[in-house]
C-alpha atoms as a PDB file:
ATOM      1  CA  MET A   1      22.035  16.085  41.229  1.00  0.00           C
ATOM      2  CA  LYS A   2      23.666  13.379  39.139  1.00  0.00           C
ATOM      3  CA  PHE A   3      21.976  10.111  38.228  1.00  0.00           C
ATOM      4  CA  PRO A   4      23.907   6.868  37.862  1.00  0.00           C
ATOM      5  CA  ARG A   5      24.409   6.084  34.166  1.00  0.00           C
ATOM      6  CA  ARG A   6      22.085   3.056  34.302  1.00  0.00           C
ATOM      7  CA  THR A   7      19.316   5.134  35.915  1.00  0.00           C
ATOM      8  CA  PHE A   8      19.755   7.903  33.360  1.00  0.00           C
ATOM      9  CA  LEU A   9      19.489   5.521  30.423  1.00  0.00           C
ATOM     10  CA  HIS A  10      16.394   3.939  31.945  1.00  0.00           C
ATOM     11  CA  LEU A  11      14.718   7.333  32.367  1.00  0.00           C
ATOM     12  CA  ALA A  12      15.684   8.431  28.865  1.00  0.00           C
ATOM     13  CA  ALA A  13      14.223   5.263  27.384  1.00  0.00           C
ATOM     14  CA  GLY A  14      11.029   5.872  29.314  1.00  0.00           C
ATOM     15  CA  VAL A  15      10.713   9.429  28.015  1.00  0.00           C
ATOM     16  CA  ALA A  16      11.343   8.274  24.429  1.00  0.00           C
ATOM     17  CA  ALA A  17       8.613   5.674  24.763  1.00  0.00           C
ATOM     18  CA  LEU A  18       6.014   8.198  25.939  1.00  0.00           C
ATOM     19  CA  PRO A  19       4.803   9.280  22.457  1.00  0.00           C
ATOM     20  CA  ALA A  20       4.312   5.652  21.419  1.00  0.00           C
ATOM     21  CA  VAL A  21       2.492   4.844  24.653  1.00  0.00           C
ATOM     22  CA  SER A  22       0.338   7.934  24.173  1.00  0.00           C
ATOM     23  CA  ARG A  23      -0.594   6.888  20.636  1.00  0.00           C
ATOM     24  CA  ILE A  24      -1.469   3.377  21.757  1.00  0.00           C
ATOM     25  CA  ALA A  25      -3.558   4.685  24.637  1.00  0.00           C
ATOM     26  CA  ARG A  26      -5.369   7.074  22.316  1.00  0.00           C
ATOM     27  CA  ALA A  27      -6.208   4.277  19.893  1.00  0.00           C
ATOM     28  CA  GLN A  28      -7.340   1.986  22.714  1.00  0.00           C
ATOM     29  CA  ALA A  29      -9.633   4.728  24.044  1.00  0.00           C
ATOM     30  CA  TYR A  30     -11.238   5.282  20.637  1.00  0.00           C
ATOM     31  CA  PRO A  31     -14.148   5.599  20.218  1.00  0.00           C
ATOM     32  CA  SER A  32     -15.292   7.042  23.531  1.00  0.00           C
ATOM     33  CA  ARG A  33     -18.334   8.811  22.065  1.00  0.00           C
ATOM     34  CA  PRO A  34     -20.559   8.502  18.964  1.00  0.00           C
ATOM     35  CA  VAL A  35     -18.932   8.846  15.535  1.00  0.00           C
ATOM     36  CA  ARG A  36     -20.525  10.553  12.536  1.00  0.00           C
ATOM     37  CA  ILE A  37     -20.327   9.082   9.032  1.00  0.00           C
ATOM     38  CA  ILE A  38     -21.131  11.886   6.608  1.00  0.00           C
ATOM     39  CA  VAL A  39     -22.927  10.847   3.421  1.00  0.00           C
ATOM     40  CA  GLY A  40     -23.083  13.534   0.753  1.00  0.00           C
ATOM     41  CA  PHE A  41     -26.273  12.155  -0.785  1.00  0.00           C
ATOM     42  CA  PRO A  42     -29.906  11.621   0.288  1.00  0.00           C
ATOM     43  CA  ALA A  43     -31.044   8.787   2.519  1.00  0.00           C
ATOM     44  CA  GLY A  44     -32.226   5.615   0.829  1.00  0.00           C
ATOM     45  CA  GLY A  45     -29.793   5.535  -2.085  1.00  0.00           C
ATOM     46  CA  ALA A  46     -26.997   3.032  -2.631  1.00  0.00           C
ATOM     47  CA  THR A  47     -24.387   5.312  -1.017  1.00  0.00           C
ATOM     48  CA  ASP A  48     -26.533   5.712   2.079  1.00  0.00           C
ATOM     49  CA  ILE A  49     -27.247   1.970   2.291  1.00  0.00           C
ATOM     50  CA  GLN A  50     -23.545   1.110   2.088  1.00  0.00           C
ATOM     51  CA  ALA A  51     -22.670   3.627   4.797  1.00  0.00           C
ATOM     52  CA  ARG A  52     -25.329   2.253   7.111  1.00  0.00           C
ATOM     53  CA  LEU A  53     -24.130  -1.315   6.559  1.00  0.00           C
ATOM     54  CA  MET A  54     -20.599  -0.475   7.612  1.00  0.00           C
ATOM     55  CA  GLY A  55     -21.724   1.921  10.328  1.00  0.00           C
ATOM     56  CA  GLN A  56     -23.808  -0.774  11.993  1.00  0.00           C
ATOM     57  CA  TRP A  57     -20.899  -3.186  11.802  1.00  0.00           C
ATOM     58  CA  LEU A  58     -18.574  -0.666  13.462  1.00  0.00           C
ATOM     59  CA  SER A  59     -21.191   0.113  16.129  1.00  0.00           C
ATOM     60  CA  ASP A  60     -21.477  -3.561  17.020  1.00  0.00           C
ATOM     61  CA  ARG A  61     -17.727  -4.117  17.042  1.00  0.00           C
ATOM     62  CA  LEU A  62     -16.513  -0.981  18.800  1.00  0.00           C
ATOM     63  CA  GLY A  63     -19.275  -0.331  21.310  1.00  0.00           C
ATOM     64  CA  GLN A  64     -20.187   3.202  20.215  1.00  0.00           C
ATOM     65  CA  GLN A  65     -22.769   4.421  17.733  1.00  0.00           C
ATOM     66  CA  PHE A  66     -21.533   5.189  14.227  1.00  0.00           C
ATOM     67  CA  ILE A  67     -24.313   7.487  13.070  1.00  0.00           C
ATOM     68  CA  VAL A  68     -24.964   8.213   9.397  1.00  0.00           C
ATOM     69  CA  GLU A  69     -25.604  11.892   8.730  1.00  0.00           C
ATOM     70  CA  ASN A  70     -26.881  12.832   5.263  1.00  0.00           C
ATOM     71  CA  ARG A  71     -25.604  16.175   3.982  1.00  0.00           C
ATOM     72  CA  SER A  72     -26.697  16.090   0.373  1.00  0.00           C
ATOM     73  CA  GLY A  73     -26.153  18.708  -2.289  1.00  0.00           C
ATOM     74  CA  ALA A  74     -23.652  19.916  -4.893  1.00  0.00           C
ATOM     75  CA  SER A  75     -22.866  16.373  -6.098  1.00  0.00           C
ATOM     76  CA  GLY A  76     -21.598  15.404  -2.664  1.00  0.00           C
ATOM     77  CA  ASN A  77     -19.348  18.432  -2.224  1.00  0.00           C
ATOM     78  CA  ILE A  78     -21.264  19.814   0.771  1.00  0.00           C
ATOM     79  CA  GLY A  79     -20.740  16.663   2.806  1.00  0.00           C
ATOM     80  CA  THR A  80     -17.135  16.291   1.689  1.00  0.00           C
ATOM     81  CA  GLU A  81     -16.281  19.861   2.689  1.00  0.00           C
ATOM     82  CA  ALA A  82     -17.800  19.276   6.131  1.00  0.00           C
ATOM     83  CA  VAL A  83     -15.455  16.331   6.682  1.00  0.00           C
ATOM     84  CA  ALA A  84     -12.446  18.084   5.160  1.00  0.00           C
ATOM     85  CA  LYS A  85     -12.844  20.900   7.693  1.00  0.00           C
ATOM     86  CA  ALA A  86     -13.723  18.695  10.674  1.00  0.00           C
ATOM     87  CA  THR A  87     -11.394  17.989  13.585  1.00  0.00           C
ATOM     88  CA  ALA A  88      -9.043  15.169  12.653  1.00  0.00           C
ATOM     89  CA  ASP A  89      -9.825  12.979  15.663  1.00  0.00           C
ATOM     90  CA  GLY A  90     -11.680  10.033  14.103  1.00  0.00           C
ATOM     91  CA  TYR A  91     -15.128  11.213  15.142  1.00  0.00           C
ATOM     92  CA  THR A  92     -16.106  12.512  11.700  1.00  0.00           C
ATOM     93  CA  LEU A  93     -15.794  10.132   8.748  1.00  0.00           C
ATOM     94  CA  LEU A  94     -16.771  10.356   5.078  1.00  0.00           C
ATOM     95  CA  GLN A  95     -18.499   7.787   2.904  1.00  0.00           C
ATOM     96  CA  VAL A  96     -16.244   8.075  -0.139  1.00  0.00           C
ATOM     97  CA  VAL A  97     -17.824   7.322  -3.515  1.00  0.00           C
ATOM     98  CA  THR A  98     -17.180   7.813  -7.236  1.00  0.00           C
ATOM     99  CA  PRO A  99     -18.494  11.416  -7.431  1.00  0.00           C
ATOM    100  CA  ASN A 100     -15.706  12.475  -5.055  1.00  0.00           C
ATOM    101  CA  VAL A 101     -13.015  11.754  -7.644  1.00  0.00           C
ATOM    102  CA  ILE A 102     -15.117  13.063 -10.527  1.00  0.00           C
ATOM    103  CA  ASN A 103     -15.637  16.313  -8.614  1.00  0.00           C
ATOM    104  CA  ALA A 104     -11.902  16.582  -7.961  1.00  0.00           C
ATOM    105  CA  ALA A 105     -11.358  16.576 -11.719  1.00  0.00           C
ATOM    106  CA  LEU A 106     -14.427  18.663 -12.597  1.00  0.00           C
ATOM    107  CA  TYR A 107     -14.516  21.559 -10.118  1.00  0.00           C
ATOM    108  CA  THR A 108     -11.821  24.212  -9.936  1.00  0.00           C
ATOM    109  CA  ASN A 109     -13.292  26.432  -7.212  1.00  0.00           C
ATOM    110  CA  LEU A 110     -13.927  24.105  -4.270  1.00  0.00           C
ATOM    111  CA  ASN A 111     -13.059  25.188  -0.733  1.00  0.00           C
ATOM    112  CA  PHE A 112     -11.131  21.956  -0.195  1.00  0.00           C
ATOM    113  CA  ASP A 113      -8.791  19.622  -2.046  1.00  0.00           C
ATOM    114  CA  PHE A 114     -10.118  16.075  -1.893  1.00  0.00           C
ATOM    115  CA  MET A 115      -6.785  14.264  -2.211  1.00  0.00           C
ATOM    116  CA  ARG A 116      -5.068  16.640   0.220  1.00  0.00           C
ATOM    117  CA  ASP A 117      -7.816  16.960   2.829  1.00  0.00           C
ATOM    118  CA  ILE A 118      -9.319  13.445   2.983  1.00  0.00           C
ATOM    119  CA  ALA A 119      -7.274  10.482   4.206  1.00  0.00           C
ATOM    120  CA  PRO A 120      -8.332   7.108   2.738  1.00  0.00           C
ATOM    121  CA  ILE A 121      -9.317   4.344   5.154  1.00  0.00           C
ATOM    122  CA  ILE A 122     -10.605   1.522   2.968  1.00  0.00           C
ATOM    123  CA  CYS A 123     -12.164   0.802  -0.409  1.00  0.00           C
ATOM    124  CA  ALA A 124     -15.015  -1.490   0.519  1.00  0.00           C
ATOM    125  CA  ALA A 125     -16.257  -2.374  -2.957  1.00  0.00           C
ATOM    126  CA  ARG A 126     -16.103  -1.834  -6.675  1.00  0.00           C
ATOM    127  CA  LEU A 127     -19.506  -0.896  -8.091  1.00  0.00           C
ATOM    128  CA  ALA A 128     -20.838  -1.660 -11.550  1.00  0.00           C
ATOM    129  CA  TYR A 129     -23.160   0.195 -13.870  1.00  0.00           C
ATOM    130  CA  MET A 130     -25.498  -1.427 -16.364  1.00  0.00           C
ATOM    131  CA  VAL A 131     -26.107  -0.364 -19.952  1.00  0.00           C
ATOM    132  CA  VAL A 132     -29.901  -0.466 -19.961  1.00  0.00           C
ATOM    133  CA  VAL A 133     -32.177   0.383 -22.881  1.00  0.00           C
ATOM    134  CA  HIS A 134     -35.883   0.801 -23.409  1.00  0.00           C
ATOM    135  CA  PRO A 135     -37.427  -2.334 -24.965  1.00  0.00           C
ATOM    136  CA  SER A 136     -38.245  -0.348 -28.112  1.00  0.00           C
ATOM    137  CA  VAL A 137     -34.519  -0.053 -28.916  1.00  0.00           C
ATOM    138  CA  PRO A 138     -33.735  -2.682 -31.582  1.00  0.00           C
ATOM    139  CA  ALA A 139     -30.630  -4.027 -29.881  1.00  0.00           C
ATOM    140  CA  THR A 140     -29.964  -6.907 -27.519  1.00  0.00           C
ATOM    141  CA  THR A 141     -26.164  -6.676 -27.519  1.00  0.00           C
ATOM    142  CA  ILE A 142     -23.536  -3.944 -27.390  1.00  0.00           C
ATOM    143  CA  PRO A 143     -22.475  -4.493 -31.039  1.00  0.00           C
ATOM    144  CA  GLU A 144     -26.103  -4.180 -32.148  1.00  0.00           C
ATOM    145  CA  PHE A 145     -26.507  -1.012 -30.073  1.00  0.00           C
ATOM    146  CA  ILE A 146     -23.344   0.524 -31.549  1.00  0.00           C
ATOM    147  CA  ALA A 147     -24.564  -0.276 -35.072  1.00  0.00           C
ATOM    148  CA  TYR A 148     -27.984   1.204 -34.298  1.00  0.00           C
ATOM    149  CA  ALA A 149     -26.424   4.359 -32.826  1.00  0.00           C
ATOM    150  CA  LYS A 150     -24.111   4.844 -35.808  1.00  0.00           C
ATOM    151  CA  ALA A 151     -27.079   4.464 -38.151  1.00  0.00           C
ATOM    152  CA  ASN A 152     -28.955   7.135 -36.160  1.00  0.00           C
ATOM    153  CA  PRO A 153     -26.392   9.775 -35.133  1.00  0.00           C
ATOM    154  CA  GLY A 154     -27.752  12.435 -32.805  1.00  0.00           C
ATOM    155  CA  LYS A 155     -31.142  10.733 -32.565  1.00  0.00           C
ATOM    156  CA  ILE A 156     -30.589   8.563 -29.483  1.00  0.00           C
ATOM    157  CA  ASN A 157     -30.973  10.170 -26.065  1.00  0.00           C
ATOM    158  CA  TYR A 158     -29.160   8.962 -22.976  1.00  0.00           C
ATOM    159  CA  GLY A 159     -30.074  10.084 -19.493  1.00  0.00           C
ATOM    160  CA  SER A 160     -28.044  10.764 -16.379  1.00  0.00           C
ATOM    161  CA  ALA A 161     -28.387  12.143 -12.876  1.00  0.00           C
ATOM    162  CA  GLY A 162     -26.789  15.379 -14.111  1.00  0.00           C
ATOM    163  CA  HIS A 163     -23.645  16.832 -15.647  1.00  0.00           C
ATOM    164  CA  GLY A 164     -20.512  15.189 -14.263  1.00  0.00           C
ATOM    165  CA  THR A 165     -22.329  12.315 -12.581  1.00  0.00           C
ATOM    166  CA  PRO A 166     -21.138   8.715 -13.000  1.00  0.00           C
ATOM    167  CA  GLN A 167     -23.890   7.961 -15.526  1.00  0.00           C
ATOM    168  CA  ASN A 168     -22.746  10.916 -17.632  1.00  0.00           C
ATOM    169  CA  ILE A 169     -19.049  10.061 -17.359  1.00  0.00           C
ATOM    170  CA  CYS A 170     -19.529   6.337 -18.087  1.00  0.00           C
ATOM    171  CA  CYS A 171     -21.494   7.046 -21.256  1.00  0.00           C
ATOM    172  CA  GLU A 172     -19.060   9.721 -22.425  1.00  0.00           C
ATOM    173  CA  LEU A 173     -16.227   7.201 -22.087  1.00  0.00           C
ATOM    174  CA  PHE A 174     -18.301   4.800 -24.199  1.00  0.00           C
ATOM    175  CA  LYS A 175     -18.839   7.505 -26.816  1.00  0.00           C
ATOM    176  CA  MET A 176     -15.137   8.360 -26.809  1.00  0.00           C
ATOM    177  CA  MET A 177     -14.131   4.742 -27.377  1.00  0.00           C
ATOM    178  CA  THR A 178     -16.782   3.796 -29.961  1.00  0.00           C
ATOM    179  CA  GLY A 179     -17.381   7.025 -31.876  1.00  0.00           C
ATOM    180  CA  VAL A 180     -21.156   6.948 -31.458  1.00  0.00           C
ATOM    181  CA  ASN A 181     -23.156  10.185 -31.250  1.00  0.00           C
ATOM    182  CA  LEU A 182     -25.599  10.065 -28.334  1.00  0.00           C
ATOM    183  CA  VAL A 183     -27.434  13.108 -26.961  1.00  0.00           C
ATOM    184  CA  HIS A 184     -27.087  13.748 -23.221  1.00  0.00           C
ATOM    185  CA  ILE A 185     -30.273  14.558 -21.281  1.00  0.00           C
ATOM    186  CA  PRO A 186     -29.321  15.493 -17.696  1.00  0.00           C
ATOM    187  CA  TYR A 187     -31.796  15.121 -14.828  1.00  0.00           C
ATOM    188  CA  ARG A 188     -31.743  16.146 -11.198  1.00  0.00           C
ATOM    189  CA  GLY A 189     -31.096  12.655  -9.888  1.00  0.00           C
ATOM    190  CA  GLY A 190     -31.049   9.104 -11.161  1.00  0.00           C
ATOM    191  CA  ALA A 191     -34.635   8.239 -10.235  1.00  0.00           C
ATOM    192  CA  PRO A 192     -36.370  10.674 -12.637  1.00  0.00           C
ATOM    193  CA  ALA A 193     -33.995   9.667 -15.425  1.00  0.00           C
ATOM    194  CA  THR A 194     -34.820   6.007 -14.871  1.00  0.00           C
ATOM    195  CA  SER A 195     -38.538   6.792 -14.825  1.00  0.00           C
ATOM    196  CA  ASP A 196     -38.248   8.524 -18.192  1.00  0.00           C
ATOM    197  CA  LEU A 197     -36.311   5.572 -19.597  1.00  0.00           C
ATOM    198  CA  VAL A 198     -39.058   3.214 -18.464  1.00  0.00           C
ATOM    199  CA  GLY A 199     -41.582   5.600 -20.039  1.00  0.00           C
ATOM    200  CA  GLY A 200     -39.761   5.567 -23.363  1.00  0.00           C
ATOM    201  CA  HIS A 201     -38.658   9.209 -23.293  1.00  0.00           C
ATOM    202  CA  LEU A 202     -35.010   8.092 -23.286  1.00  0.00           C
ATOM    203  CA  GLN A 203     -33.341   5.240 -25.102  1.00  0.00           C
ATOM    204  CA  VAL A 204     -30.403   4.334 -22.835  1.00  0.00           C
ATOM    205  CA  ILE A 205     -28.803   4.934 -19.426  1.00  0.00           C
ATOM    206  CA  PHE A 206     -25.531   3.733 -17.935  1.00  0.00           C
ATOM    207  CA  SER A 207     -27.316   3.061 -14.693  1.00  0.00           C
ATOM    208  CA  PRO A 208     -26.258   2.003 -11.188  1.00  0.00           C
ATOM    209  CA  VAL A 209     -27.411  -1.571 -10.669  1.00  0.00           C
ATOM    210  CA  SER A 210     -29.529  -0.621  -7.668  1.00  0.00           C
ATOM    211  CA  GLU A 211     -31.544   1.921  -9.696  1.00  0.00           C
ATOM    212  CA  SER A 212     -32.536  -0.318 -12.609  1.00  0.00           C
ATOM    213  CA  ILE A 213     -32.277  -3.978 -11.719  1.00  0.00           C
ATOM    214  CA  GLU A 214     -35.894  -4.327 -10.586  1.00  0.00           C
ATOM    215  CA  HIS A 215     -37.088  -2.776 -13.861  1.00  0.00           C
ATOM    216  CA  VAL A 216     -34.900  -5.273 -15.742  1.00  0.00           C
ATOM    217  CA  LYS A 217     -36.367  -8.175 -13.760  1.00  0.00           C
ATOM    218  CA  ALA A 218     -39.877  -6.889 -14.515  1.00  0.00           C
ATOM    219  CA  GLY A 219     -39.134  -6.690 -18.253  1.00  0.00           C
ATOM    220  CA  LYS A 220     -39.550  -2.920 -18.370  1.00  0.00           C
ATOM    221  CA  LEU A 221     -35.905  -2.392 -19.347  1.00  0.00           C
ATOM    222  CA  ARG A 222     -33.329  -4.495 -21.179  1.00  0.00           C
ATOM    223  CA  VAL A 223     -29.738  -4.811 -19.960  1.00  0.00           C
ATOM    224  CA  LEU A 224     -27.080  -5.099 -22.647  1.00  0.00           C
ATOM    225  CA  ALA A 225     -23.909  -5.244 -20.550  1.00  0.00           C
ATOM    226  CA  VAL A 226     -22.196  -4.241 -17.317  1.00  0.00           C
ATOM    227  CA  THR A 227     -19.347  -1.744 -17.183  1.00  0.00           C
ATOM    228  CA  THR A 228     -16.869  -3.575 -14.944  1.00  0.00           C
ATOM    229  CA  LYS A 229     -13.941  -5.664 -16.180  1.00  0.00           C
ATOM    230  CA  THR A 230     -15.618  -8.883 -15.073  1.00  0.00           C
ATOM    231  CA  ARG A 231     -19.199 -10.103 -14.890  1.00  0.00           C
ATOM    232  CA  LEU A 232     -21.273  -9.605 -11.777  1.00  0.00           C
ATOM    233  CA  ASP A 233     -22.376 -12.333  -9.384  1.00  0.00           C
ATOM    234  CA  VAL A 234     -25.840 -10.783  -9.357  1.00  0.00           C
ATOM    235  CA  LEU A 235     -26.008 -10.826 -13.197  1.00  0.00           C
ATOM    236  CA  PRO A 236     -23.811 -13.777 -14.208  1.00  0.00           C
ATOM    237  CA  ASP A 237     -25.282 -14.121 -17.700  1.00  0.00           C
ATOM    238  CA  VAL A 238     -24.790 -10.471 -18.661  1.00  0.00           C
ATOM    239  CA  PRO A 239     -21.553  -9.739 -20.583  1.00  0.00           C
ATOM    240  CA  THR A 240     -19.241  -6.803 -19.971  1.00  0.00           C
ATOM    241  CA  VAL A 241     -18.907  -3.829 -22.306  1.00  0.00           C
ATOM    242  CA  ALA A 242     -15.225  -4.764 -22.576  1.00  0.00           C
ATOM    243  CA  ASP A 243     -16.203  -8.057 -24.202  1.00  0.00           C
ATOM    244  CA  PHE A 244     -17.065  -5.964 -27.264  1.00  0.00           C
ATOM    245  CA  VAL A 245     -15.165  -2.697 -26.673  1.00  0.00           C
ATOM    246  CA  PRO A 246     -11.667  -3.787 -25.601  1.00  0.00           C
ATOM    247  CA  GLY A 247     -10.265  -1.724 -22.755  1.00  0.00           C
ATOM    248  CA  TYR A 248     -13.563  -0.215 -21.647  1.00  0.00           C
ATOM    249  CA  GLU A 249     -13.969  -0.127 -17.867  1.00  0.00           C
ATOM    250  CA  ALA A 250     -16.116   2.242 -15.860  1.00  0.00           C
ATOM    251  CA  SER A 251     -16.574   0.957 -12.354  1.00  0.00           C
ATOM    252  CA  GLY A 252     -17.385   3.044  -9.340  1.00  0.00           C
ATOM    253  CA  PHE A 253     -16.433   2.381  -5.752  1.00  0.00           C
ATOM    254  CA  ALA A 254     -17.566   2.834  -2.183  1.00  0.00           C
ATOM    255  CA  GLY A 255     -15.240   3.312   0.746  1.00  0.00           C
ATOM    256  CA  MET A 256     -14.489   5.393   3.785  1.00  0.00           C
ATOM    257  CA  GLY A 257     -12.204   8.314   4.540  1.00  0.00           C
ATOM    258  CA  ALA A 258     -11.385  10.732   7.342  1.00  0.00           C
ATOM    259  CA  PRO A 259      -9.920  14.227   7.675  1.00  0.00           C
ATOM    260  CA  THR A 260      -6.203  14.325   6.863  1.00  0.00           C
ATOM    261  CA  ASN A 261      -4.042  14.099  10.009  1.00  0.00           C
ATOM    262  CA  THR A 262      -6.465  11.733  11.700  1.00  0.00           C
ATOM    263  CA  PRO A 263      -4.165   9.589  13.888  1.00  0.00           C
ATOM    264  CA  ALA A 264      -2.746   6.636  11.977  1.00  0.00           C
ATOM    265  CA  GLU A 265      -3.647   4.321  14.857  1.00  0.00           C
ATOM    266  CA  ILE A 266      -7.323   5.216  14.500  1.00  0.00           C
ATOM    267  CA  ILE A 267      -7.273   4.823  10.727  1.00  0.00           C
ATOM    268  CA  GLY A 268      -5.542   1.469  11.197  1.00  0.00           C
ATOM    269  CA  MET A 269      -8.163   0.326  13.699  1.00  0.00           C
ATOM    270  CA  LEU A 270     -11.045   1.324  11.412  1.00  0.00           C
ATOM    271  CA  ASN A 271      -9.363  -0.355   8.442  1.00  0.00           C
ATOM    272  CA  LYS A 272      -8.944  -3.586  10.408  1.00  0.00           C
ATOM    273  CA  GLU A 273     -12.560  -3.631  11.608  1.00  0.00           C
ATOM    274  CA  LEU A 274     -13.976  -2.758   8.187  1.00  0.00           C
ATOM    275  CA  ASN A 275     -11.920  -5.481   6.522  1.00  0.00           C
ATOM    276  CA  ALA A 276     -13.421  -7.891   9.040  1.00  0.00           C
ATOM    277  CA  GLY A 277     -16.884  -6.616   8.136  1.00  0.00           C
ATOM    278  CA  LEU A 278     -16.277  -7.209   4.451  1.00  0.00           C
ATOM    279  CA  ALA A 279     -15.580 -10.856   5.247  1.00  0.00           C
ATOM    280  CA  ASP A 280     -19.018 -11.201   6.863  1.00  0.00           C
ATOM    281  CA  SER A 281     -21.401 -13.160   4.638  1.00  0.00           C
ATOM    282  CA  LYS A 282     -24.391 -10.870   5.267  1.00  0.00           C
ATOM    283  CA  ILE A 283     -22.486  -7.712   4.378  1.00  0.00           C
ATOM    284  CA  LYS A 284     -20.877  -9.361   1.358  1.00  0.00           C
ATOM    285  CA  GLY A 285     -24.289 -10.539   0.171  1.00  0.00           C
ATOM    286  CA  ARG A 286     -25.816  -7.072   0.462  1.00  0.00           C
ATOM    287  CA  ILE A 287     -22.937  -5.490  -1.463  1.00  0.00           C
ATOM    288  CA  VAL A 288     -23.366  -8.067  -4.233  1.00  0.00           C
ATOM    289  CA  GLU A 289     -27.100  -7.272  -4.393  1.00  0.00           C
ATOM    290  CA  LEU A 290     -26.197  -3.607  -4.947  1.00  0.00           C
ATOM    291  CA  GLY A 291     -24.031  -4.559  -7.919  1.00  0.00           C
ATOM    292  CA  GLY A 292     -20.760  -4.486  -6.043  1.00  0.00           C
ATOM    293  CA  THR A 293     -17.674  -6.629  -5.766  1.00  0.00           C
ATOM    294  CA  VAL A 294     -16.102  -6.697  -2.303  1.00  0.00           C
ATOM    295  CA  LEU A 295     -12.550  -5.337  -2.204  1.00  0.00           C
ATOM    296  CA  GLY A 296     -11.104  -4.336   1.166  1.00  0.00           C
ATOM    297  CA  GLY A 297      -7.368  -3.750   1.539  1.00  0.00           C
ATOM    298  CA  THR A 298      -5.125  -1.063   2.971  1.00  0.00           C
ATOM    299  CA  PRO A 299      -5.514   2.727   3.131  1.00  0.00           C
ATOM    300  CA  ALA A 300      -2.586   3.055   0.718  1.00  0.00           C
ATOM    301  CA  GLU A 301      -4.286   0.788  -1.814  1.00  0.00           C
ATOM    302  CA  PHE A 302      -7.419   2.917  -1.623  1.00  0.00           C
ATOM    303  CA  GLY A 303      -5.292   6.019  -2.143  1.00  0.00           C
ATOM    304  CA  THR A 304      -3.954   4.527  -5.361  1.00  0.00           C
ATOM    305  CA  ILE A 305      -7.482   3.740  -6.565  1.00  0.00           C
ATOM    306  CA  LEU A 306      -8.520   7.344  -5.907  1.00  0.00           C
ATOM    307  CA  SER A 307      -5.576   8.969  -7.666  1.00  0.00           C
ATOM    308  CA  GLU A 308      -5.890   6.690 -10.715  1.00  0.00           C
ATOM    309  CA  ALA A 309      -9.628   7.407 -10.952  1.00  0.00           C
ATOM    310  CA  ILE A 310      -9.084  11.177 -10.854  1.00  0.00           C
ATOM    311  CA  GLU A 311      -6.555  10.928 -13.675  1.00  0.00           C
ATOM    312  CA  LYS A 312      -8.834   8.696 -15.765  1.00  0.00           C
ATOM    313  CA  TRP A 313     -12.002  10.760 -15.416  1.00  0.00           C
ATOM    314  CA  ALA A 314     -10.164  14.037 -15.953  1.00  0.00           C
ATOM    315  CA  LYS A 315      -9.306  12.834 -19.471  1.00  0.00           C
ATOM    316  CA  VAL A 316     -12.933  11.951 -20.200  1.00  0.00           C
ATOM    317  CA  ILE A 317     -14.183  15.271 -18.796  1.00  0.00           C
ATOM    318  CA  LYS A 318     -11.759  17.179 -21.014  1.00  0.00           C
ATOM    319  CA  PHE A 319     -12.588  15.137 -24.105  1.00  0.00           C
ATOM    320  CA  ALA A 320     -16.353  15.562 -23.638  1.00  0.00           C
ATOM    321  CA  GLY A 321     -16.127  19.220 -22.582  1.00  0.00           C
ATOM    322  CA  ILE A 322     -18.152  18.577 -19.431  1.00  0.00           C
ATOM    323  CA  LYS A 323     -18.638  21.633 -17.244  1.00  0.00           C
ATOM    324  CA  ALA A 324     -19.702  21.814 -13.619  1.00  0.00           C
ATOM    325  CA  GLU A 325     -23.270  23.003 -13.140  1.00  0.00           C
END
């Protein structure tokens, strides 16, 4: 049977359009059931809070529950592996944070490749750390602290949440750029390290804002500077480390990712909705309280942030000789 040329061309055009129609229909149908957001750290911390903020926003906007599931352990690697091996259908997402890129540079025996197996969706915020000292430390500025440290090499202890954690990496970058000799005391988590700093067993921590700001407000700790390029809205009178150590920058980030090969239409939808959430005054205000600066942007822009961070922290890890626990 032969079709008239016009009929044939019409049918051919219809067949060619089927994949595009299918993709659009798939995106319009998403989500048709609850979505999991995997957080590789315990409930109650800054990472968990950020995930729940964005999850609630997505639930309200898209009409399905975006449920936060905490799979803590191995510096976030357990949760990340679960997402890397999940079905790439948009129903399993990852709260992407600074340890993900540190781990990519630190571990050589993981069962996944972060940059290969996780597709970026959005970088929601840049996150700052504070250089906080015990009140007994005779320094109120970064130059005074550097002078004090150089006068007491190997006698000043700094704490962290463990080897290869952001607190460890941020301080090692500071050591690399200033030449000071500080002794690393690793803990199993940021909370016990902060408690020991308050108790005077440590002298300094490069601490997430959320872990130390209340102690600073109460006068139990003193903040010398923040680690981002610019000052924070929540601490407008506190200078940056870079004001005194040119070129120093050690910000973290919080964002969202999905298994590689998740349909681009779904990633695009999530990116659009999350960008809208970041423009909401309540969400912006909460991020600022946590020591963050709202970013947003495209998946590609987040991919660039991730690759640059891996390259940067790999150099610090090599210089400091940091080994995975």
